[in-house]
Amino acid sequence: RLNPIVGYIGLGLGLASLGLAKDFSGPLVAAMAEAGVMFL
């Protein structure tokens, strides 16, 4: 019963805690994240 935003940010923090942040910091992921804000 949480807002999905909390789940998404928690997922990112969990991946960063495992030392995987750089594995998901490529241009494709960054472009898709920027596109999400643009569509919003």
PDB file of all heavy atoms in Angstrom:
ATOM      1  N   ARG A   1       0.821  -1.210   0.000  1.00  0.00           N
ATOM      2  CA  ARG A   1       0.000   0.000   0.000  1.00  0.00           C
ATOM      3  C   ARG A   1       0.853   1.258   0.000  1.00  0.00           C
ATOM      4  O   ARG A   1       0.563   2.243   0.697  1.00  0.00           O
ATOM      5  CB  ARG A   1      -0.962   0.009   1.191  1.00  0.00           C
ATOM      6  CG  ARG A   1      -1.978  -1.128   1.144  1.00  0.00           C
ATOM      7  CD  ARG A   1      -2.973  -1.028   2.273  1.00  0.00           C
ATOM      8  NE  ARG A   1      -3.969  -2.094   2.203  1.00  0.00           N
ATOM      9  CZ  ARG A   1      -4.982  -2.241   3.056  1.00  0.00           C
ATOM     10  NH1 ARG A   1      -5.131  -1.373   4.052  1.00  0.00           N
ATOM     11  NH2 ARG A   1      -5.837  -3.240   2.928  1.00  0.00           N
ATOM     12  N   LEU A   2       1.934   1.215  -0.765  1.00  0.00           N
ATOM     13  CA  LEU A   2       2.820   2.359  -0.925  1.00  0.00           C
ATOM     14  C   LEU A   2       2.688   2.910  -2.337  1.00  0.00           C
ATOM     15  O   LEU A   2       2.303   2.204  -3.263  1.00  0.00           O
ATOM     16  CB  LEU A   2       4.277   1.961  -0.670  1.00  0.00           C
ATOM     17  CG  LEU A   2       4.637   1.493   0.737  1.00  0.00           C
ATOM     18  CD1 LEU A   2       6.082   1.010   0.768  1.00  0.00           C
ATOM     19  CD2 LEU A   2       4.445   2.608   1.754  1.00  0.00           C
ATOM     20  N   ASN A   3       3.012   4.175  -2.500  1.00  0.00           N
ATOM     21  CA  ASN A   3       3.059   4.766  -3.830  1.00  0.00           C
ATOM     22  C   ASN A   3       4.177   4.092  -4.625  1.00  0.00           C
ATOM     23  O   ASN A   3       5.278   3.876  -4.104  1.00  0.00           O
ATOM     24  CB  ASN A   3       3.323   6.269  -3.715  1.00  0.00           C
ATOM     25  CG  ASN A   3       3.134   6.984  -5.026  1.00  0.00           C
ATOM     26  OD1 ASN A   3       3.858   6.740  -5.984  1.00  0.00           O
ATOM     27  ND2 ASN A   3       2.174   7.891  -5.073  1.00  0.00           N
ATOM     28  N   PRO A   4       3.950   3.732  -5.886  1.00  0.00           N
ATOM     29  CA  PRO A   4       5.000   3.092  -6.686  1.00  0.00           C
ATOM     30  C   PRO A   4       6.285   3.907  -6.774  1.00  0.00           C
ATOM     31  O   PRO A   4       7.370   3.338  -6.954  1.00  0.00           O
ATOM     32  CB  PRO A   4       4.354   2.946  -8.070  1.00  0.00           C
ATOM     33  CG  PRO A   4       2.894   2.915  -7.805  1.00  0.00           C
ATOM     34  CD  PRO A   4       2.675   3.818  -6.638  1.00  0.00           C
ATOM     35  N   ILE A   5       6.188   5.232  -6.638  1.00  0.00           N
ATOM     36  CA  ILE A   5       7.388   6.070  -6.672  1.00  0.00           C
ATOM     37  C   ILE A   5       8.367   5.632  -5.597  1.00  0.00           C
ATOM     38  O   ILE A   5       9.585   5.557  -5.818  1.00  0.00           O
ATOM     39  CB  ILE A   5       7.005   7.553  -6.485  1.00  0.00           C
ATOM     40  CG1 ILE A   5       6.188   8.050  -7.684  1.00  0.00           C
ATOM     41  CG2 ILE A   5       8.247   8.427  -6.304  1.00  0.00           C
ATOM     42  CD1 ILE A   5       5.622   9.441  -7.497  1.00  0.00           C
ATOM     43  N   VAL A   6       7.844   5.313  -4.408  1.00  0.00           N
ATOM     44  CA  VAL A   6       8.697   4.859  -3.311  1.00  0.00           C
ATOM     45  C   VAL A   6       9.394   3.553  -3.691  1.00  0.00           C
ATOM     46  O   VAL A   6      10.588   3.366  -3.433  1.00  0.00           O
ATOM     47  CB  VAL A   6       7.868   4.674  -2.020  1.00  0.00           C
ATOM     48  CG1 VAL A   6       8.732   4.120  -0.895  1.00  0.00           C
ATOM     49  CG2 VAL A   6       7.237   5.992  -1.607  1.00  0.00           C
ATOM     50  N   GLY A   7       8.647   2.649  -4.322  1.00  0.00           N
ATOM     51  CA  GLY A   7       9.234   1.376  -4.738  1.00  0.00           C
ATOM     52  C   GLY A   7      10.337   1.548  -5.757  1.00  0.00           C
ATOM     53  O   GLY A   7      11.399   0.915  -5.670  1.00  0.00           O
ATOM     54  N   TYR A   8      10.121   2.433  -6.742  1.00  0.00           N
ATOM     55  CA  TYR A   8      11.136   2.653  -7.775  1.00  0.00           C
ATOM     56  C   TYR A   8      12.411   3.261  -7.183  1.00  0.00           C
ATOM     57  O   TYR A   8      13.527   2.831  -7.490  1.00  0.00           O
ATOM     58  CB  TYR A   8      10.582   3.572  -8.863  1.00  0.00           C
ATOM     59  CG  TYR A   8       9.466   2.967  -9.685  1.00  0.00           C
ATOM     60  CD1 TYR A   8       8.330   3.711 -10.022  1.00  0.00           C
ATOM     61  CD2 TYR A   8       9.543   1.647 -10.140  1.00  0.00           C
ATOM     62  CE1 TYR A   8       7.312   3.162 -10.786  1.00  0.00           C
ATOM     63  CE2 TYR A   8       8.526   1.094 -10.891  1.00  0.00           C
ATOM     64  CZ  TYR A   8       7.410   1.852 -11.217  1.00  0.00           C
ATOM     65  OH  TYR A   8       6.408   1.308 -11.969  1.00  0.00           O
ATOM     66  N   ILE A   9      12.251   4.288  -6.343  1.00  0.00           N
ATOM     67  CA  ILE A   9      13.431   4.919  -5.740  1.00  0.00           C
ATOM     68  C   ILE A   9      14.134   3.933  -4.803  1.00  0.00           C
ATOM     69  O   ILE A   9      15.371   3.874  -4.762  1.00  0.00           O
ATOM     70  CB  ILE A   9      13.029   6.205  -4.995  1.00  0.00           C
ATOM     71  CG1 ILE A   9      12.471   7.229  -5.989  1.00  0.00           C
ATOM     72  CG2 ILE A   9      14.223   6.796  -4.254  1.00  0.00           C
ATOM     73  CD1 ILE A   9      12.006   8.529  -5.358  1.00  0.00           C
ATOM     74  N   GLY A  10      13.354   3.143  -4.061  1.00  0.00           N
ATOM     75  CA  GLY A  10      13.957   2.128  -3.204  1.00  0.00           C
ATOM     76  C   GLY A  10      14.729   1.089  -3.990  1.00  0.00           C
ATOM     77  O   GLY A  10      15.798   0.628  -3.557  1.00  0.00           O
ATOM     78  N   LEU A  11      14.212   0.722  -5.156  1.00  0.00           N
ATOM     79  CA  LEU A  11      14.921  -0.219  -6.018  1.00  0.00           C
ATOM     80  C   LEU A  11      16.267   0.367  -6.451  1.00  0.00           C
ATOM     81  O   LEU A  11      17.295  -0.310  -6.404  1.00  0.00           O
ATOM     82  CB  LEU A  11      14.072  -0.544  -7.248  1.00  0.00           C
ATOM     83  CG  LEU A  11      14.763  -1.330  -8.371  1.00  0.00           C
ATOM     84  CD1 LEU A  11      15.237  -2.690  -7.891  1.00  0.00           C
ATOM     85  CD2 LEU A  11      13.828  -1.475  -9.572  1.00  0.00           C
ATOM     86  N   GLY A  12      16.259   1.634  -6.869  1.00  0.00           N
ATOM     87  CA  GLY A  12      17.510   2.272  -7.276  1.00  0.00           C
ATOM     88  C   GLY A  12      18.509   2.337  -6.141  1.00  0.00           C
ATOM     89  O   GLY A  12      19.707   2.058  -6.333  1.00  0.00           O
ATOM     90  N   LEU A  13      18.043   2.678  -4.933  1.00  0.00           N
ATOM     91  CA  LEU A  13      18.934   2.721  -3.777  1.00  0.00           C
ATOM     92  C   LEU A  13      19.498   1.341  -3.457  1.00  0.00           C
ATOM     93  O   LEU A  13      20.679   1.195  -3.118  1.00  0.00           O
ATOM     94  CB  LEU A  13      18.183   3.281  -2.566  1.00  0.00           C
ATOM     95  CG  LEU A  13      18.950   3.310  -1.238  1.00  0.00           C
ATOM     96  CD1 LEU A  13      20.226   4.139  -1.370  1.00  0.00           C
ATOM     97  CD2 LEU A  13      18.061   3.861  -0.126  1.00  0.00           C
ATOM     98  N   GLY A  14      18.648   0.313  -3.579  1.00  0.00           N
ATOM     99  CA  GLY A  14      19.118  -1.053  -3.335  1.00  0.00           C
ATOM    100  C   GLY A  14      20.213  -1.463  -4.310  1.00  0.00           C
ATOM    101  O   GLY A  14      21.225  -2.066  -3.915  1.00  0.00           O
ATOM    102  N   LEU A  15      20.036  -1.126  -5.580  1.00  0.00           N
ATOM    103  CA  LEU A  15      21.052  -1.449  -6.586  1.00  0.00           C
ATOM    104  C   LEU A  15      22.337  -0.675  -6.318  1.00  0.00           C
ATOM    105  O   LEU A  15      23.448  -1.218  -6.467  1.00  0.00           O
ATOM    106  CB  LEU A  15      20.527  -1.128  -7.987  1.00  0.00           C
ATOM    107  CG  LEU A  15      19.371  -2.007  -8.485  1.00  0.00           C
ATOM    108  CD1 LEU A  15      18.826  -1.466  -9.809  1.00  0.00           C
ATOM    109  CD2 LEU A  15      19.829  -3.455  -8.653  1.00  0.00           C
ATOM    110  N   ALA A  16      22.193   0.610  -5.913  1.00  0.00           N
ATOM    111  CA  ALA A  16      23.376   1.404  -5.600  1.00  0.00           C
ATOM    112  C   ALA A  16      24.111   0.834  -4.391  1.00  0.00           C
ATOM    113  O   ALA A  16      25.349   0.821  -4.349  1.00  0.00           O
ATOM    114  CB  ALA A  16      22.977   2.856  -5.343  1.00  0.00           C
ATOM    115  N   SER A  17      23.368   0.328  -3.413  1.00  0.00           N
ATOM    116  CA  SER A  17      23.986  -0.264  -2.216  1.00  0.00           C
ATOM    117  C   SER A  17      24.760  -1.524  -2.551  1.00  0.00           C
ATOM    118  O   SER A  17      25.726  -1.874  -1.855  1.00  0.00           O
ATOM    119  CB  SER A  17      22.903  -0.570  -1.180  1.00  0.00           C
ATOM    120  OG  SER A  17      22.200   0.596  -0.810  1.00  0.00           O
ATOM    121  N   LEU A  18      24.353  -2.212  -3.615  1.00  0.00           N
ATOM    122  CA  LEU A  18      25.064  -3.419  -4.054  1.00  0.00           C
ATOM    123  C   LEU A  18      26.237  -3.088  -4.976  1.00  0.00           C
ATOM    124  O   LEU A  18      26.875  -3.995  -5.514  1.00  0.00           O
ATOM    125  CB  LEU A  18      24.090  -4.352  -4.774  1.00  0.00           C
ATOM    126  CG  LEU A  18      22.942  -4.930  -3.921  1.00  0.00           C
ATOM    127  CD1 LEU A  18      21.972  -5.713  -4.793  1.00  0.00           C
ATOM    128  CD2 LEU A  18      23.511  -5.835  -2.823  1.00  0.00           C
ATOM    129  N   GLY A  19      26.503  -1.809  -5.165  1.00  0.00           N
ATOM    130  CA  GLY A  19      27.605  -1.400  -6.021  1.00  0.00           C
ATOM    131  C   GLY A  19      27.317  -1.523  -7.499  1.00  0.00           C
ATOM    132  O   GLY A  19      28.240  -1.611  -8.314  1.00  0.00           O
ATOM    133  N   LEU A  20      26.028  -1.510  -7.879  1.00  0.00           N
ATOM    134  CA  LEU A  20      25.648  -1.716  -9.277  1.00  0.00           C
ATOM    135  C   LEU A  20      25.209  -0.424  -9.971  1.00  0.00           C
ATOM    136  O   LEU A  20      24.704  -0.480 -11.092  1.00  0.00           O
ATOM    137  CB  LEU A  20      24.494  -2.730  -9.344  1.00  0.00           C
ATOM    138  CG  LEU A  20      24.789  -4.127  -8.776  1.00  0.00           C
ATOM    139  CD1 LEU A  20      23.532  -4.985  -8.802  1.00  0.00           C
ATOM    140  CD2 LEU A  20      25.911  -4.797  -9.568  1.00  0.00           C
ATOM    141  N   ALA A  21      25.423   0.719  -9.327  1.00  0.00           N
ATOM    142  CA  ALA A  21      24.942   1.978  -9.910  1.00  0.00           C
ATOM    143  C   ALA A  21      25.560   2.235 -11.277  1.00  0.00           C
ATOM    144  O   ALA A  21      24.880   2.654 -12.219  1.00  0.00           O
ATOM    145  CB  ALA A  21      25.231   3.141  -8.962  1.00  0.00           C
ATOM    146  N   LYS A  22      26.863   1.985 -11.403  1.00  0.00           N
ATOM    147  CA  LYS A  22      27.535   2.251 -12.682  1.00  0.00           C
ATOM    148  C   LYS A  22      27.039   1.329 -13.789  1.00  0.00           C
ATOM    149  O   LYS A  22      27.092   1.686 -14.967  1.00  0.00           O
ATOM    150  CB  LYS A  22      29.043   2.105 -12.517  1.00  0.00           C
ATOM    151  CG  LYS A  22      29.674   3.199 -11.658  1.00  0.00           C
ATOM    152  CD  LYS A  22      31.190   3.063 -11.618  1.00  0.00           C
ATOM    153  CE  LYS A  22      31.814   4.198 -10.806  1.00  0.00           C
ATOM    154  NZ  LYS A  22      33.293   4.081 -10.738  1.00  0.00           N
ATOM    155  N   ASP A  23      26.565   0.137 -13.424  1.00  0.00           N
ATOM    156  CA  ASP A  23      26.065  -0.797 -14.438  1.00  0.00           C
ATOM    157  C   ASP A  23      24.773  -0.298 -15.093  1.00  0.00           C
ATOM    158  O   ASP A  23      24.404  -0.772 -16.171  1.00  0.00           O
ATOM    159  CB  ASP A  23      25.808  -2.170 -13.802  1.00  0.00           C
ATOM    160  CG  ASP A  23      27.091  -2.821 -13.288  1.00  0.00           C
ATOM    161  OD1 ASP A  23      28.174  -2.470 -13.813  1.00  0.00           O
ATOM    162  OD2 ASP A  23      27.015  -3.658 -12.373  1.00  0.00           O
ATOM    163  N   PHE A  24      24.090   0.625 -14.418  1.00  0.00           N
ATOM    164  CA  PHE A  24      22.816   1.119 -14.951  1.00  0.00           C
ATOM    165  C   PHE A  24      22.864   2.627 -15.234  1.00  0.00           C
ATOM    166  O   PHE A  24      21.838   3.294 -15.231  1.00  0.00           O
ATOM    167  CB  PHE A  24      21.682   0.828 -13.961  1.00  0.00           C
ATOM    168  CG  PHE A  24      21.466  -0.631 -13.714  1.00  0.00           C
ATOM    169  CD1 PHE A  24      21.972  -1.244 -12.576  1.00  0.00           C
ATOM    170  CD2 PHE A  24      20.779  -1.417 -14.625  1.00  0.00           C
ATOM    171  CE1 PHE A  24      21.784  -2.595 -12.341  1.00  0.00           C
ATOM    172  CE2 PHE A  24      20.580  -2.764 -14.405  1.00  0.00           C
ATOM    173  CZ  PHE A  24      21.093  -3.359 -13.254  1.00  0.00           C
ATOM    174  N   SER A  25      24.058   3.156 -15.443  1.00  0.00           N
ATOM    175  CA  SER A  25      24.199   4.593 -15.677  1.00  0.00           C
ATOM    176  C   SER A  25      24.548   4.911 -17.124  1.00  0.00           C
ATOM    177  O   SER A  25      25.113   5.953 -17.408  1.00  0.00           O
ATOM    178  CB  SER A  25      25.293   5.170 -14.759  1.00  0.00           C
ATOM    179  OG  SER A  25      26.533   4.503 -14.991  1.00  0.00           O
ATOM    180  N   GLY A  26      24.228   3.993 -18.037  1.00  0.00           N
ATOM    181  CA  GLY A  26      24.540   4.191 -19.447  1.00  0.00           C
ATOM    182  C   GLY A  26      23.642   5.222 -20.107  1.00  0.00           C
ATOM    183  O   GLY A  26      22.631   5.667 -19.534  1.00  0.00           O
ATOM    184  N   PRO A  27      23.968   5.594 -21.325  1.00  0.00           N
ATOM    185  CA  PRO A  27      23.188   6.633 -22.029  1.00  0.00           C
ATOM    186  C   PRO A  27      21.757   6.218 -22.331  1.00  0.00           C
ATOM    187  O   PRO A  27      20.863   7.063 -22.370  1.00  0.00           O
ATOM    188  CB  PRO A  27      23.994   6.864 -23.313  1.00  0.00           C
ATOM    189  CG  PRO A  27      24.818   5.623 -23.496  1.00  0.00           C
ATOM    190  CD  PRO A  27      25.129   5.141 -22.114  1.00  0.00           C
ATOM    191  N   LEU A  28      21.515   4.907 -22.577  1.00  0.00           N
ATOM    192  CA  LEU A  28      20.164   4.474 -22.899  1.00  0.00           C
ATOM    193  C   LEU A  28      19.225   4.672 -21.711  1.00  0.00           C
ATOM    194  O   LEU A  28      18.124   5.214 -21.854  1.00  0.00           O
ATOM    195  CB  LEU A  28      20.160   3.006 -23.336  1.00  0.00           C
ATOM    196  CG  LEU A  28      18.775   2.418 -23.655  1.00  0.00           C
ATOM    197  CD1 LEU A  28      18.117   3.182 -24.796  1.00  0.00           C
ATOM    198  CD2 LEU A  28      18.886   0.930 -23.999  1.00  0.00           C
ATOM    199  N   VAL A  29      19.663   4.239 -20.524  1.00  0.00           N
ATOM    200  CA  VAL A  29      18.834   4.404 -19.325  1.00  0.00           C
ATOM    201  C   VAL A  29      18.622   5.881 -19.032  1.00  0.00           C
ATOM    202  O   VAL A  29      17.513   6.320 -18.696  1.00  0.00           O
ATOM    203  CB  VAL A  29      19.485   3.688 -18.126  1.00  0.00           C
ATOM    204  CG1 VAL A  29      18.717   4.014 -16.834  1.00  0.00           C
ATOM    205  CG2 VAL A  29      19.503   2.182 -18.345  1.00  0.00           C
ATOM    206  N   ALA A  30      19.680   6.691 -19.179  1.00  0.00           N
ATOM    207  CA  ALA A  30      19.558   8.134 -18.932  1.00  0.00           C
ATOM    208  C   ALA A  30      18.572   8.780 -19.904  1.00  0.00           C
ATOM    209  O   ALA A  30      17.765   9.631 -19.523  1.00  0.00           O
ATOM    210  CB  ALA A  30      20.929   8.797 -19.048  1.00  0.00           C
ATOM    211  N   ALA A  31      18.631   8.366 -21.173  1.00  0.00           N
ATOM    212  CA  ALA A  31      17.720   8.915 -22.178  1.00  0.00           C
ATOM    213  C   ALA A  31      16.277   8.521 -21.884  1.00  0.00           C
ATOM    214  O   ALA A  31      15.349   9.334 -22.029  1.00  0.00           O
ATOM    215  CB  ALA A  31      18.131   8.442 -23.567  1.00  0.00           C
ATOM    216  N   MET A  32      16.058   7.264 -21.454  1.00  0.00           N
ATOM    217  CA  MET A  32      14.700   6.821 -21.145  1.00  0.00           C
ATOM    218  C   MET A  32      14.152   7.549 -19.921  1.00  0.00           C
ATOM    219  O   MET A  32      12.964   7.891 -19.860  1.00  0.00           O
ATOM    220  CB  MET A  32      14.689   5.305 -20.928  1.00  0.00           C
ATOM    221  CG  MET A  32      15.049   4.516 -22.180  1.00  0.00           C
ATOM    222  SD  MET A  32      15.115   2.726 -21.922  1.00  0.00           S
ATOM    223  CE  MET A  32      13.379   2.321 -21.869  1.00  0.00           C
ATOM    224  N   ALA A  33      15.030   7.812 -18.941  1.00  0.00           N
ATOM    225  CA  ALA A  33      14.600   8.563 -17.757  1.00  0.00           C
ATOM    226  C   ALA A  33      14.215   9.987 -18.136  1.00  0.00           C
ATOM    227  O   ALA A  33      13.185  10.516 -17.691  1.00  0.00           O
ATOM    228  CB  ALA A  33      15.713   8.575 -16.712  1.00  0.00           C
ATOM    229  N   GLU A  34      15.028  10.623 -18.982  1.00  0.00           N
ATOM    230  CA  GLU A  34      14.720  11.979 -19.429  1.00  0.00           C
ATOM    231  C   GLU A  34      13.436  12.006 -20.252  1.00  0.00           C
ATOM    232  O   GLU A  34      12.615  12.929 -20.138  1.00  0.00           O
ATOM    233  CB  GLU A  34      15.879  12.524 -20.257  1.00  0.00           C
ATOM    234  CG  GLU A  34      15.747  13.981 -20.641  1.00  0.00           C
ATOM    235  CD  GLU A  34      15.851  14.920 -19.461  1.00  0.00           C
ATOM    236  OE1 GLU A  34      16.661  14.644 -18.554  1.00  0.00           O
ATOM    237  OE2 GLU A  34      15.107  15.912 -19.434  1.00  0.00           O
ATOM    238  N   ALA A  35      13.235  10.968 -21.074  1.00  0.00           N
ATOM    239  CA  ALA A  35      12.020  10.886 -21.880  1.00  0.00           C
ATOM    240  C   ALA A  35      10.789  10.779 -20.986  1.00  0.00           C
ATOM    241  O   ALA A  35       9.723  11.327 -21.305  1.00  0.00           O
ATOM    242  CB  ALA A  35      12.091   9.698 -22.834  1.00  0.00           C
ATOM    243  N   GLY A  36      10.907  10.074 -19.866  1.00  0.00           N
ATOM    244  CA  GLY A  36       9.778   9.962 -18.944  1.00  0.00           C
ATOM    245  C   GLY A  36       9.326  11.311 -18.428  1.00  0.00           C
ATOM    246  O   GLY A  36       8.127  11.615 -18.370  1.00  0.00           O
ATOM    247  N   VAL A  37      10.297  12.150 -18.031  1.00  0.00           N
ATOM    248  CA  VAL A  37       9.957  13.488 -17.544  1.00  0.00           C
ATOM    249  C   VAL A  37       9.375  14.324 -18.676  1.00  0.00           C
ATOM    250  O   VAL A  37       8.439  15.110 -18.477  1.00  0.00           O
ATOM    251  CB  VAL A  37      11.198  14.171 -16.941  1.00  0.00           C
ATOM    252  CG1 VAL A  37      10.837  15.554 -16.413  1.00  0.00           C
ATOM    253  CG2 VAL A  37      11.783  13.325 -15.810  1.00  0.00           C
ATOM    254  N   MET A  38       9.911  14.177 -19.890  1.00  0.00           N
ATOM    255  CA  MET A  38       9.379  14.924 -21.031  1.00  0.00           C
ATOM    256  C   MET A  38       7.928  14.540 -21.321  1.00  0.00           C
ATOM    257  O   MET A  38       7.078  15.402 -21.555  1.00  0.00           O
ATOM    258  CB  MET A  38      10.257  14.677 -22.259  1.00  0.00           C
ATOM    259  CG  MET A  38      11.630  15.316 -22.172  1.00  0.00           C
ATOM    260  SD  MET A  38      12.711  14.810 -23.535  1.00  0.00           S
ATOM    261  CE  MET A  38      11.822  15.486 -24.941  1.00  0.00           C
ATOM    262  N   PHE A  39       7.625  13.240 -21.290  1.00  0.00           N
ATOM    263  CA  PHE A  39       6.245  12.800 -21.529  1.00  0.00           C
ATOM    264  C   PHE A  39       5.327  13.312 -20.428  1.00  0.00           C
ATOM    265  O   PHE A  39       4.166  13.659 -20.678  1.00  0.00           O
ATOM    266  CB  PHE A  39       6.175  11.277 -21.600  1.00  0.00           C
ATOM    267  CG  PHE A  39       6.753  10.702 -22.865  1.00  0.00           C
ATOM    268  CD1 PHE A  39       7.535   9.557 -22.833  1.00  0.00           C
ATOM    269  CD2 PHE A  39       6.531  11.295 -24.096  1.00  0.00           C
ATOM    270  CE1 PHE A  39       8.071   9.022 -23.996  1.00  0.00           C
ATOM    271  CE2 PHE A  39       7.056  10.769 -25.258  1.00  0.00           C
ATOM    272  CZ  PHE A  39       7.834   9.630 -25.209  1.00  0.00           C
ATOM    273  N   LEU A  40       5.848  13.365 -19.202  1.00  0.00           N
ATOM    274  CA  LEU A  40       5.050  13.877 -18.084  1.00  0.00           C
ATOM    275  C   LEU A  40       4.698  15.342 -18.315  1.00  0.00           C
ATOM    276  O   LEU A  40       3.546  15.762 -18.146  1.00  0.00           O
ATOM    277  CB  LEU A  40       5.829  13.718 -16.778  1.00  0.00           C
ATOM    278  CG  LEU A  40       5.111  14.181 -15.515  1.00  0.00           C
ATOM    279  CD1 LEU A  40       4.001  13.210 -15.150  1.00  0.00           C
ATOM    280  CD2 LEU A  40       6.086  14.303 -14.359  1.00  0.00           C
TER     281      LEU A  40
END
